[in-house]
Amino acid sequence: MQCRIVGAGADFKFVWCDLATQLDAPGGHIVDPRVAKSEACLTLYAGGVTAESLSSGRTGAAFQEEAAIDLIADLLHWLRAHGHDPDEALDRAQMHFEAELSRAG
């Protein structure tokens, strides 16, 4: 991880950190059908704005992250509206995610 100060004042500082990922290229993704499905959902959810058009810069990354968070929140509303427990679903999804990571890696 590489970090650098990108702004500072008398009582604050902004630090930007580059985190290592498994991305093959900037704006690219690892070859994983789960990532591809997620990308398609987010493109639909973001009104057709594709990840490729947002791949450069901090603004694009922030937009993608916010779209993912909005989608997750709306799915929690959907679960609740259909009589399911959103907290239980989040717990199960987290366990599922962690199990897939440990198998992959």
PDB file of N, CA and C in Angstrom:
ATOM      1  N   MET A   1       0.845  -1.160   0.000  1.00  0.00           N
ATOM      2  CA  MET A   1       0.000   0.000   0.000  1.00  0.00           C
ATOM      3  C   MET A   1       0.898   1.232   0.000  1.00  0.00           C
ATOM      4  N   GLN A   2       0.553   2.170  -0.866  1.00  0.00           N
ATOM      5  CA  GLN A   2       1.275   3.430  -0.925  1.00  0.00           C
ATOM      6  C   GLN A   2       0.324   4.549  -0.567  1.00  0.00           C
ATOM      7  N   CYS A   3       0.739   5.419   0.346  1.00  0.00           N
ATOM      8  CA  CYS A   3      -0.102   6.540   0.767  1.00  0.00           C
ATOM      9  C   CYS A   3       0.656   7.844   0.575  1.00  0.00           C
ATOM     10  N   ARG A   4      -0.102   8.891   0.298  1.00  0.00           N
ATOM     11  CA  ARG A   4       0.505  10.213   0.178  1.00  0.00           C
ATOM     12  C   ARG A   4      -0.506  11.259   0.659  1.00  0.00           C
ATOM     13  N   ILE A   5      -0.013  12.338   1.175  1.00  0.00           N
ATOM     14  CA  ILE A   5      -0.878  13.440   1.606  1.00  0.00           C
ATOM     15  C   ILE A   5      -1.258  14.231   0.368  1.00  0.00           C
ATOM     16  N   VAL A   6      -2.562  14.430   0.170  1.00  0.00           N
ATOM     17  CA  VAL A   6      -3.028  15.155  -1.008  1.00  0.00           C
ATOM     18  C   VAL A   6      -3.594  16.523  -0.656  1.00  0.00           C
ATOM     19  N   GLY A   7      -3.716  16.798   0.619  1.00  0.00           N
ATOM     20  CA  GLY A   7      -4.190  18.099   1.065  1.00  0.00           C
ATOM     21  C   GLY A   7      -4.009  18.222   2.563  1.00  0.00           C
ATOM     22  N   ALA A   8      -3.742  19.431   3.024  1.00  0.00           N
ATOM     23  CA  ALA A   8      -3.547  19.621   4.456  1.00  0.00           C
ATOM     24  C   ALA A   8      -3.906  21.047   4.830  1.00  0.00           C
ATOM     25  N   GLY A   9      -4.313  21.182   6.074  1.00  0.00           N
ATOM     26  CA  GLY A   9      -4.616  22.502   6.625  1.00  0.00           C
ATOM     27  C   GLY A   9      -4.118  22.545   8.055  1.00  0.00           C
ATOM     28  N   ALA A  10      -4.499  23.570   8.776  1.00  0.00           N
ATOM     29  CA  ALA A  10      -4.050  23.729  10.156  1.00  0.00           C
ATOM     30  C   ALA A  10      -4.531  22.593  11.053  1.00  0.00           C
ATOM     31  N   ASP A  11      -5.737  22.101  10.799  1.00  0.00           N
ATOM     32  CA  ASP A  11      -6.295  21.074  11.687  1.00  0.00           C
ATOM     33  C   ASP A  11      -6.789  19.828  10.950  1.00  0.00           C
ATOM     34  N   PHE A  12      -6.315  19.594   9.736  1.00  0.00           N
ATOM     35  CA  PHE A  12      -6.734  18.401   8.988  1.00  0.00           C
ATOM     36  C   PHE A  12      -5.693  18.048   7.940  1.00  0.00           C
ATOM     37  N   LYS A  13      -5.805  16.812   7.449  1.00  0.00           N
ATOM     38  CA  LYS A  13      -5.039  16.413   6.271  1.00  0.00           C
ATOM     39  C   LYS A  13      -5.830  15.331   5.547  1.00  0.00           C
ATOM     40  N   PHE A  14      -5.691  15.282   4.222  1.00  0.00           N
ATOM     41  CA  PHE A  14      -6.296  14.262   3.400  1.00  0.00           C
ATOM     42  C   PHE A  14      -5.194  13.348   2.905  1.00  0.00           C
ATOM     43  N   VAL A  15      -5.386  12.055   3.077  1.00  0.00           N
ATOM     44  CA  VAL A  15      -4.400  11.080   2.658  1.00  0.00           C
ATOM     45  C   VAL A  15      -5.036  10.175   1.605  1.00  0.00           C
ATOM     46  N   TRP A  16      -4.322   9.953   0.507  1.00  0.00           N
ATOM     47  CA  TRP A  16      -4.778   9.041  -0.542  1.00  0.00           C
ATOM     48  C   TRP A  16      -3.908   7.810  -0.474  1.00  0.00           C
ATOM     49  N   CYS A  17      -4.547   6.626  -0.387  1.00  0.00           N
ATOM     50  CA  CYS A  17      -3.811   5.362  -0.343  1.00  0.00           C
ATOM     51  C   CYS A  17      -4.198   4.507  -1.538  1.00  0.00           C
ATOM     52  N   ASP A  18      -3.207   3.982  -2.230  1.00  0.00           N
ATOM     53  CA  ASP A  18      -3.428   3.042  -3.320  1.00  0.00           C
ATOM     54  C   ASP A  18      -3.350   1.642  -2.735  1.00  0.00           C
ATOM     55  N   LEU A  19      -4.427   0.881  -2.878  1.00  0.00           N
ATOM     56  CA  LEU A  19      -4.491  -0.467  -2.333  1.00  0.00           C
ATOM     57  C   LEU A  19      -4.266  -1.490  -3.435  1.00  0.00           C
ATOM     58  N   ALA A  20      -3.566  -2.540  -3.111  1.00  0.00           N
ATOM     59  CA  ALA A  20      -3.341  -3.609  -4.074  1.00  0.00           C
ATOM     60  C   ALA A  20      -4.640  -4.381  -4.291  1.00  0.00           C
ATOM     61  N   THR A  21      -4.936  -4.691  -5.542  1.00  0.00           N
ATOM     62  CA  THR A  21      -6.120  -5.489  -5.883  1.00  0.00           C
ATOM     63  C   THR A  21      -5.700  -6.611  -6.817  1.00  0.00           C
ATOM     64  N   GLN A  22      -6.664  -7.406  -7.223  1.00  0.00           N
ATOM     65  CA  GLN A  22      -6.397  -8.466  -8.193  1.00  0.00           C
ATOM     66  C   GLN A  22      -6.764  -8.025  -9.613  1.00  0.00           C
ATOM     67  N   LEU A  23      -6.961  -6.732  -9.817  1.00  0.00           N
ATOM     68  CA  LEU A  23      -7.306  -6.255 -11.148  1.00  0.00           C
ATOM     69  C   LEU A  23      -6.134  -6.478 -12.096  1.00  0.00           C
ATOM     70  N   ASP A  24      -6.461  -6.921 -13.301  1.00  0.00           N
ATOM     71  CA  ASP A  24      -5.431  -7.184 -14.291  1.00  0.00           C
ATOM     72  C   ASP A  24      -4.876  -5.902 -14.908  1.00  0.00           C
ATOM     73  N   ALA A  25      -5.732  -4.877 -15.010  1.00  0.00           N
ATOM     74  CA  ALA A  25      -5.326  -3.610 -15.616  1.00  0.00           C
ATOM     75  C   ALA A  25      -6.198  -2.516 -15.034  1.00  0.00           C
ATOM     76  N   PRO A  26      -5.743  -1.275 -15.089  1.00  0.00           N
ATOM     77  CA  PRO A  26      -6.602  -0.193 -14.608  1.00  0.00           C
ATOM     78  C   PRO A  26      -7.938  -0.220 -15.334  1.00  0.00           C
ATOM     79  N   GLY A  27      -9.020  -0.219 -14.588  1.00  0.00           N
ATOM     80  CA  GLY A  27     -10.349  -0.286 -15.181  1.00  0.00           C
ATOM     81  C   GLY A  27     -10.772  -1.693 -15.536  1.00  0.00           C
ATOM     82  N   GLY A  28      -9.874  -2.651 -15.443  1.00  0.00           N
ATOM     83  CA  GLY A  28     -10.188  -4.039 -15.762  1.00  0.00           C
ATOM     84  C   GLY A  28     -10.616  -4.794 -14.525  1.00  0.00           C
ATOM     85  N   HIS A  29     -10.921  -6.040 -14.702  1.00  0.00           N
ATOM     86  CA  HIS A  29     -11.346  -6.876 -13.583  1.00  0.00           C
ATOM     87  C   HIS A  29     -10.685  -8.235 -13.673  1.00  0.00           C
ATOM     88  N   ILE A  30     -10.665  -8.908 -12.553  1.00  0.00           N
ATOM     89  CA  ILE A  30     -10.260 -10.303 -12.577  1.00  0.00           C
ATOM     90  C   ILE A  30     -11.321 -11.068 -13.354  1.00  0.00           C
ATOM     91  N   VAL A  31     -10.970 -12.192 -13.886  1.00  0.00           N
ATOM     92  CA  VAL A  31     -11.932 -13.003 -14.627  1.00  0.00           C
ATOM     93  C   VAL A  31     -12.739 -13.796 -13.611  1.00  0.00           C
ATOM     94  N   ASP A  32     -13.952 -13.362 -13.369  1.00  0.00           N
ATOM     95  CA  ASP A  32     -14.820 -13.976 -12.373  1.00  0.00           C
ATOM     96  C   ASP A  32     -16.263 -13.679 -12.753  1.00  0.00           C
ATOM     97  N   PRO A  33     -17.079 -14.703 -12.955  1.00  0.00           N
ATOM     98  CA  PRO A  33     -18.459 -14.455 -13.360  1.00  0.00           C
ATOM     99  C   PRO A  33     -19.242 -13.634 -12.330  1.00  0.00           C
ATOM    100  N   ARG A  34     -18.878 -13.728 -11.054  1.00  0.00           N
ATOM    101  CA  ARG A  34     -19.579 -12.938 -10.029  1.00  0.00           C
ATOM    102  C   ARG A  34     -19.305 -11.459 -10.220  1.00  0.00           C
ATOM    103  N   VAL A  35     -18.071 -11.124 -10.592  1.00  0.00           N
ATOM    104  CA  VAL A  35     -17.728  -9.722 -10.842  1.00  0.00           C
ATOM    105  C   VAL A  35     -18.471  -9.227 -12.083  1.00  0.00           C
ATOM    106  N   ALA A  36     -18.529 -10.053 -13.122  1.00  0.00           N
ATOM    107  CA  ALA A  36     -19.227  -9.670 -14.352  1.00  0.00           C
ATOM    108  C   ALA A  36     -20.718  -9.447 -14.096  1.00  0.00           C
ATOM    109  N   LYS A  37     -21.351 -10.333 -13.310  1.00  0.00           N
ATOM    110  CA  LYS A  37     -22.772 -10.157 -12.986  1.00  0.00           C
ATOM    111  C   LYS A  37     -22.993  -8.879 -12.185  1.00  0.00           C
ATOM    112  N   SER A  38     -22.101  -8.628 -11.241  1.00  0.00           N
ATOM    113  CA  SER A  38     -22.214  -7.413 -10.428  1.00  0.00           C
ATOM    114  C   SER A  38     -22.071  -6.171 -11.290  1.00  0.00           C
ATOM    115  N   GLU A  39     -21.111  -6.208 -12.202  1.00  0.00           N
ATOM    116  CA  GLU A  39     -20.883  -5.085 -13.111  1.00  0.00           C
ATOM    117  C   GLU A  39     -22.134  -4.803 -13.943  1.00  0.00           C
ATOM    118  N   ALA A  40     -22.775  -5.859 -14.451  1.00  0.00           N
ATOM    119  CA  ALA A  40     -23.997  -5.689 -15.248  1.00  0.00           C
ATOM    120  C   ALA A  40     -25.111  -5.078 -14.405  1.00  0.00           C
ATOM    121  N   CYS A  41     -25.264  -5.545 -13.174  1.00  0.00           N
ATOM    122  CA  CYS A  41     -26.295  -4.995 -12.281  1.00  0.00           C
ATOM    123  C   CYS A  41     -26.039  -3.525 -11.991  1.00  0.00           C
ATOM    124  N   LEU A  42     -24.804  -3.181 -11.715  1.00  0.00           N
ATOM    125  CA  LEU A  42     -24.478  -1.788 -11.401  1.00  0.00           C
ATOM    126  C   LEU A  42     -24.652  -0.883 -12.611  1.00  0.00           C
ATOM    127  N   THR A  43     -24.345  -1.393 -13.798  1.00  0.00           N
ATOM    128  CA  THR A  43     -24.551  -0.599 -15.004  1.00  0.00           C
ATOM    129  C   THR A  43     -26.036  -0.301 -15.195  1.00  0.00           C
ATOM    130  N   LEU A  44     -26.882  -1.313 -15.002  1.00  0.00           N
ATOM    131  CA  LEU A  44     -28.325  -1.097 -15.081  1.00  0.00           C
ATOM    132  C   LEU A  44     -28.795  -0.142 -13.989  1.00  0.00           C
ATOM    133  N   TYR A  45     -28.301  -0.351 -12.793  1.00  0.00           N
ATOM    134  CA  TYR A  45     -28.723   0.447 -11.647  1.00  0.00           C
ATOM    135  C   TYR A  45     -28.282   1.901 -11.775  1.00  0.00           C
ATOM    136  N   ALA A  46     -27.150   2.140 -12.398  1.00  0.00           N
ATOM    137  CA  ALA A  46     -26.622   3.497 -12.555  1.00  0.00           C
ATOM    138  C   ALA A  46     -27.164   4.174 -13.816  1.00  0.00           C
ATOM    139  N   GLY A  47     -28.241   3.646 -14.351  1.00  0.00           N
ATOM    140  CA  GLY A  47     -28.865   4.269 -15.509  1.00  0.00           C
ATOM    141  C   GLY A  47     -28.075   4.111 -16.794  1.00  0.00           C
ATOM    142  N   GLY A  48     -27.359   2.992 -16.905  1.00  0.00           N
ATOM    143  CA  GLY A  48     -26.617   2.716 -18.124  1.00  0.00           C
ATOM    144  C   GLY A  48     -25.207   3.268 -18.141  1.00  0.00           C
ATOM    145  N   VAL A  49     -24.783   3.931 -17.075  1.00  0.00           N
ATOM    146  CA  VAL A  49     -23.416   4.429 -17.002  1.00  0.00           C
ATOM    147  C   VAL A  49     -22.512   3.238 -16.721  1.00  0.00           C
ATOM    148  N   THR A  50     -21.616   2.944 -17.628  1.00  0.00           N
ATOM    149  CA  THR A  50     -20.776   1.752 -17.497  1.00  0.00           C
ATOM    150  C   THR A  50     -19.535   2.034 -16.659  1.00  0.00           C
ATOM    151  N   ALA A  51     -18.970   0.976 -16.124  1.00  0.00           N
ATOM    152  CA  ALA A  51     -17.749   1.094 -15.329  1.00  0.00           C
ATOM    153  C   ALA A  51     -16.608   1.630 -16.189  1.00  0.00           C
ATOM    154  N   GLU A  52     -16.574   1.242 -17.464  1.00  0.00           N
ATOM    155  CA  GLU A  52     -15.500   1.700 -18.331  1.00  0.00           C
ATOM    156  C   GLU A  52     -15.518   3.215 -18.473  1.00  0.00           C
ATOM    157  N   SER A  53     -16.729   3.802 -18.540  1.00  0.00           N
ATOM    158  CA  SER A  53     -16.798   5.253 -18.690  1.00  0.00           C
ATOM    159  C   SER A  53     -16.425   5.973 -17.404  1.00  0.00           C
ATOM    160  N   LEU A  54     -16.404   5.250 -16.282  1.00  0.00           N
ATOM    161  CA  LEU A  54     -16.075   5.851 -14.994  1.00  0.00           C
ATOM    162  C   LEU A  54     -14.740   5.377 -14.445  1.00  0.00           C
ATOM    163  N   SER A  55     -14.019   4.595 -15.214  1.00  0.00           N
ATOM    164  CA  SER A  55     -12.868   3.896 -14.651  1.00  0.00           C
ATOM    165  C   SER A  55     -11.705   4.805 -14.289  1.00  0.00           C
ATOM    166  N   SER A  56     -11.656   5.988 -14.832  1.00  0.00           N
ATOM    167  CA  SER A  56     -10.511   6.835 -14.519  1.00  0.00           C
ATOM    168  C   SER A  56     -10.862   7.840 -13.431  1.00  0.00           C
ATOM    169  N   GLY A  57      -9.968   7.962 -12.490  1.00  0.00           N
ATOM    170  CA  GLY A  57     -10.098   8.998 -11.484  1.00  0.00           C
ATOM    171  C   GLY A  57     -10.891   8.604 -10.258  1.00  0.00           C
ATOM    172  N   ARG A  58     -10.731   9.451  -9.253  1.00  0.00           N
ATOM    173  CA  ARG A  58     -11.390   9.214  -7.966  1.00  0.00           C
ATOM    174  C   ARG A  58     -12.896   9.375  -8.048  1.00  0.00           C
ATOM    175  N   THR A  59     -13.362  10.292  -8.887  1.00  0.00           N
ATOM    176  CA  THR A  59     -14.803  10.525  -9.003  1.00  0.00           C
ATOM    177  C   THR A  59     -15.512   9.288  -9.516  1.00  0.00           C
ATOM    178  N   GLY A  60     -14.948   8.636 -10.529  1.00  0.00           N
ATOM    179  CA  GLY A  60     -15.544   7.420 -11.073  1.00  0.00           C
ATOM    180  C   GLY A  60     -15.591   6.314 -10.047  1.00  0.00           C
ATOM    181  N   ALA A  61     -14.512   6.137  -9.304  1.00  0.00           N
ATOM    182  CA  ALA A  61     -14.472   5.098  -8.264  1.00  0.00           C
ATOM    183  C   ALA A  61     -15.497   5.402  -7.174  1.00  0.00           C
ATOM    184  N   ALA A  62     -15.612   6.655  -6.794  1.00  0.00           N
ATOM    185  CA  ALA A  62     -16.587   7.039  -5.762  1.00  0.00           C
ATOM    186  C   ALA A  62     -18.014   6.815  -6.266  1.00  0.00           C
ATOM    187  N   PHE A  63     -18.275   7.133  -7.533  1.00  0.00           N
ATOM    188  CA  PHE A  63     -19.608   6.921  -8.113  1.00  0.00           C
ATOM    189  C   PHE A  63     -19.959   5.437  -8.125  1.00  0.00           C
ATOM    190  N   GLN A  64     -18.992   4.592  -8.522  1.00  0.00           N
ATOM    191  CA  GLN A  64     -19.234   3.154  -8.555  1.00  0.00           C
ATOM    192  C   GLN A  64     -19.513   2.618  -7.157  1.00  0.00           C
ATOM    193  N   GLU A  65     -18.735   3.046  -6.187  1.00  0.00           N
ATOM    194  CA  GLU A  65     -18.939   2.581  -4.818  1.00  0.00           C
ATOM    195  C   GLU A  65     -20.297   3.024  -4.294  1.00  0.00           C
ATOM    196  N   GLU A  66     -20.680   4.269  -4.564  1.00  0.00           N
ATOM    197  CA  GLU A  66     -21.974   4.776  -4.103  1.00  0.00           C
ATOM    198  C   GLU A  66     -23.120   4.025  -4.773  1.00  0.00           C
ATOM    199  N   ALA A  67     -22.989   3.704  -6.056  1.00  0.00           N
ATOM    200  CA  ALA A  67     -24.019   2.928  -6.751  1.00  0.00           C
ATOM    201  C   ALA A  67     -24.157   1.543  -6.119  1.00  0.00           C
ATOM    202  N   ALA A  68     -23.043   0.916  -5.770  1.00  0.00           N
ATOM    203  CA  ALA A  68     -23.094  -0.401  -5.122  1.00  0.00           C
ATOM    204  C   ALA A  68     -23.778  -0.310  -3.763  1.00  0.00           C
ATOM    205  N   ILE A  69     -23.450   0.713  -2.992  1.00  0.00           N
ATOM    206  CA  ILE A  69     -24.068   0.890  -1.673  1.00  0.00           C
ATOM    207  C   ILE A  69     -25.560   1.141  -1.809  1.00  0.00           C
ATOM    208  N   ASP A  70     -25.956   1.973  -2.776  1.00  0.00           N
ATOM    209  CA  ASP A  70     -27.383   2.225  -3.012  1.00  0.00           C
ATOM    210  C   ASP A  70     -28.115   0.944  -3.404  1.00  0.00           C
ATOM    211  N   LEU A  71     -27.486   0.142  -4.251  1.00  0.00           N
ATOM    212  CA  LEU A  71     -28.097  -1.122  -4.667  1.00  0.00           C
ATOM    213  C   LEU A  71     -28.277  -2.058  -3.472  1.00  0.00           C
ATOM    214  N   ILE A  72     -27.238  -2.175  -2.643  1.00  0.00           N
ATOM    215  CA  ILE A  72     -27.342  -3.030  -1.454  1.00  0.00           C
ATOM    216  C   ILE A  72     -28.453  -2.537  -0.541  1.00  0.00           C
ATOM    217  N   ALA A  73     -28.527  -1.218  -0.312  1.00  0.00           N
ATOM    218  CA  ALA A  73     -29.577  -0.655   0.551  1.00  0.00           C
ATOM    219  C   ALA A  73     -30.962  -0.942  -0.014  1.00  0.00           C
ATOM    220  N   ASP A  74     -31.127  -0.783  -1.326  1.00  0.00           N
ATOM    221  CA  ASP A  74     -32.434  -1.057  -1.925  1.00  0.00           C
ATOM    222  C   ASP A  74     -32.791  -2.540  -1.854  1.00  0.00           C
ATOM    223  N   LEU A  75     -31.800  -3.411  -1.978  1.00  0.00           N
ATOM    224  CA  LEU A  75     -32.067  -4.842  -1.822  1.00  0.00           C
ATOM    225  C   LEU A  75     -32.507  -5.159  -0.382  1.00  0.00           C
ATOM    226  N   LEU A  76     -31.929  -4.459   0.585  1.00  0.00           N
ATOM    227  CA  LEU A  76     -32.372  -4.643   1.980  1.00  0.00           C
ATOM    228  C   LEU A  76     -33.821  -4.199   2.150  1.00  0.00           C
ATOM    229  N   HIS A  77     -34.208  -3.099   1.506  1.00  0.00           N
ATOM    230  CA  HIS A  77     -35.613  -2.666   1.533  1.00  0.00           C
ATOM    231  C   HIS A  77     -36.511  -3.724   0.895  1.00  0.00           C
ATOM    232  N   TRP A  78     -36.044  -4.301  -0.214  1.00  0.00           N
ATOM    233  CA  TRP A  78     -36.822  -5.334  -0.904  1.00  0.00           C
ATOM    234  C   TRP A  78     -37.008  -6.543   0.015  1.00  0.00           C
ATOM    235  N   LEU A  79     -35.944  -6.969   0.668  1.00  0.00           N
ATOM    236  CA  LEU A  79     -36.046  -8.106   1.600  1.00  0.00           C
ATOM    237  C   LEU A  79     -37.069  -7.827   2.689  1.00  0.00           C
ATOM    238  N   ARG A  80     -36.983  -6.647   3.285  1.00  0.00           N
ATOM    239  CA  ARG A  80     -37.905  -6.283   4.368  1.00  0.00           C
ATOM    240  C   ARG A  80     -39.348  -6.250   3.863  1.00  0.00           C
ATOM    241  N   ALA A  81     -39.563  -5.678   2.685  1.00  0.00           N
ATOM    242  CA  ALA A  81     -40.915  -5.577   2.116  1.00  0.00           C
ATOM    243  C   ALA A  81     -41.512  -6.950   1.824  1.00  0.00           C
ATOM    244  N   HIS A  82     -40.655  -7.954   1.632  1.00  0.00           N
ATOM    245  CA  HIS A  82     -41.127  -9.302   1.347  1.00  0.00           C
ATOM    246  C   HIS A  82     -41.044 -10.222   2.558  1.00  0.00           C
ATOM    247  N   GLY A  83     -40.938  -9.612   3.743  1.00  0.00           N
ATOM    248  CA  GLY A  83     -41.019 -10.383   4.977  1.00  0.00           C
ATOM    249  C   GLY A  83     -39.746 -11.072   5.410  1.00  0.00           C
ATOM    250  N   HIS A  84     -38.622 -10.697   4.842  1.00  0.00           N
ATOM    251  CA  HIS A  84     -37.345 -11.304   5.211  1.00  0.00           C
ATOM    252  C   HIS A  84     -36.595 -10.377   6.171  1.00  0.00           C
ATOM    253  N   ASP A  85     -35.665 -10.930   6.921  1.00  0.00           N
ATOM    254  CA  ASP A  85     -34.862 -10.163   7.869  1.00  0.00           C
ATOM    255  C   ASP A  85     -33.600  -9.656   7.170  1.00  0.00           C
ATOM    256  N   PRO A  86     -33.496  -8.343   6.921  1.00  0.00           N
ATOM    257  CA  PRO A  86     -32.323  -7.805   6.227  1.00  0.00           C
ATOM    258  C   PRO A  86     -31.003  -8.081   6.960  1.00  0.00           C
ATOM    259  N   ASP A  87     -31.007  -8.018   8.295  1.00  0.00           N
ATOM    260  CA  ASP A  87     -29.780  -8.276   9.046  1.00  0.00           C
ATOM    261  C   ASP A  87     -29.318  -9.720   8.862  1.00  0.00           C
ATOM    262  N   GLU A  88     -30.262 -10.649   8.883  1.00  0.00           N
ATOM    263  CA  GLU A  88     -29.914 -12.053   8.676  1.00  0.00           C
ATOM    264  C   GLU A  88     -29.364 -12.260   7.265  1.00  0.00           C
ATOM    265  N   ALA A  89     -29.996 -11.596   6.299  1.00  0.00           N
ATOM    266  CA  ALA A  89     -29.527 -11.716   4.918  1.00  0.00           C
ATOM    267  C   ALA A  89     -28.111 -11.156   4.772  1.00  0.00           C
ATOM    268  N   LEU A  90     -27.829 -10.023   5.424  1.00  0.00           N
ATOM    269  CA  LEU A  90     -26.478  -9.464   5.376  1.00  0.00           C
ATOM    270  C   LEU A  90     -25.465 -10.408   6.007  1.00  0.00           C
ATOM    271  N   ASP A  91     -25.824 -10.980   7.144  1.00  0.00           N
ATOM    272  CA  ASP A  91     -24.926 -11.942   7.804  1.00  0.00           C
ATOM    273  C   ASP A  91     -24.646 -13.139   6.905  1.00  0.00           C
ATOM    274  N   ARG A  92     -25.702 -13.678   6.294  1.00  0.00           N
ATOM    275  CA  ARG A  92     -25.533 -14.831   5.415  1.00  0.00           C
ATOM    276  C   ARG A  92     -24.713 -14.472   4.183  1.00  0.00           C
ATOM    277  N   ALA A  93     -24.961 -13.284   3.621  1.00  0.00           N
ATOM    278  CA  ALA A  93     -24.200 -12.846   2.447  1.00  0.00           C
ATOM    279  C   ALA A  93     -22.724 -12.677   2.792  1.00  0.00           C
ATOM    280  N   GLN A  94     -22.435 -12.111   3.968  1.00  0.00           N
ATOM    281  CA  GLN A  94     -21.044 -11.934   4.387  1.00  0.00           C
ATOM    282  C   GLN A  94     -20.353 -13.279   4.566  1.00  0.00           C
ATOM    283  N   MET A  95     -21.042 -14.240   5.177  1.00  0.00           N
ATOM    284  CA  MET A  95     -20.466 -15.579   5.352  1.00  0.00           C
ATOM    285  C   MET A  95     -20.223 -16.238   3.999  1.00  0.00           C
ATOM    286  N   HIS A  96     -21.182 -16.094   3.098  1.00  0.00           N
ATOM    287  CA  HIS A  96     -21.058 -16.650   1.747  1.00  0.00           C
ATOM    288  C   HIS A  96     -19.848 -16.040   1.038  1.00  0.00           C
ATOM    289  N   PHE A  97     -19.729 -14.726   1.109  1.00  0.00           N
ATOM    290  CA  PHE A  97     -18.620 -14.005   0.491  1.00  0.00           C
ATOM    291  C   PHE A  97     -17.276 -14.474   1.052  1.00  0.00           C
ATOM    292  N   GLU A  98     -17.172 -14.556   2.375  1.00  0.00           N
ATOM    293  CA  GLU A  98     -15.925 -14.974   3.004  1.00  0.00           C
ATOM    294  C   GLU A  98     -15.569 -16.422   2.662  1.00  0.00           C
ATOM    295  N   ALA A  99     -16.570 -17.280   2.568  1.00  0.00           N
ATOM    296  CA  ALA A  99     -16.322 -18.672   2.193  1.00  0.00           C
ATOM    297  C   ALA A  99     -15.782 -18.748   0.764  1.00  0.00           C
ATOM    298  N   GLU A 100     -16.347 -17.957  -0.136  1.00  0.00           N
ATOM    299  CA  GLU A 100     -15.851 -17.940  -1.516  1.00  0.00           C
ATOM    300  C   GLU A 100     -14.423 -17.411  -1.584  1.00  0.00           C
ATOM    301  N   LEU A 101     -14.123 -16.402  -0.791  1.00  0.00           N
ATOM    302  CA  LEU A 101     -12.751 -15.874  -0.776  1.00  0.00           C
ATOM    303  C   LEU A 101     -11.758 -16.912  -0.266  1.00  0.00           C
ATOM    304  N   SER A 102     -12.133 -17.625   0.780  1.00  0.00           N
ATOM    305  CA  SER A 102     -11.206 -18.612   1.329  1.00  0.00           C
ATOM    306  C   SER A 102     -11.009 -19.792   0.373  1.00  0.00           C
ATOM    307  N   ARG A 103     -12.043 -20.155  -0.383  1.00  0.00           N
ATOM    308  CA  ARG A 103     -11.901 -21.214  -1.393  1.00  0.00           C
ATOM    309  C   ARG A 103     -11.009 -20.776  -2.543  1.00  0.00           C
ATOM    310  N   ALA A 104     -11.106 -19.480  -2.893  1.00  0.00           N
ATOM    311  CA  ALA A 104     -10.320 -18.957  -4.019  1.00  0.00           C
ATOM    312  C   ALA A 104      -8.865 -18.765  -3.649  1.00  0.00           C
ATOM    313  N   GLY A 105      -8.643 -18.617  -2.360  1.00  0.00           N
ATOM    314  CA  GLY A 105      -7.415 -18.329  -2.032  1.00  0.00           C
ATOM    315  C   GLY A 105      -6.250 -18.312  -1.404  1.00  0.00           C
TER     316      GLY A 105
END
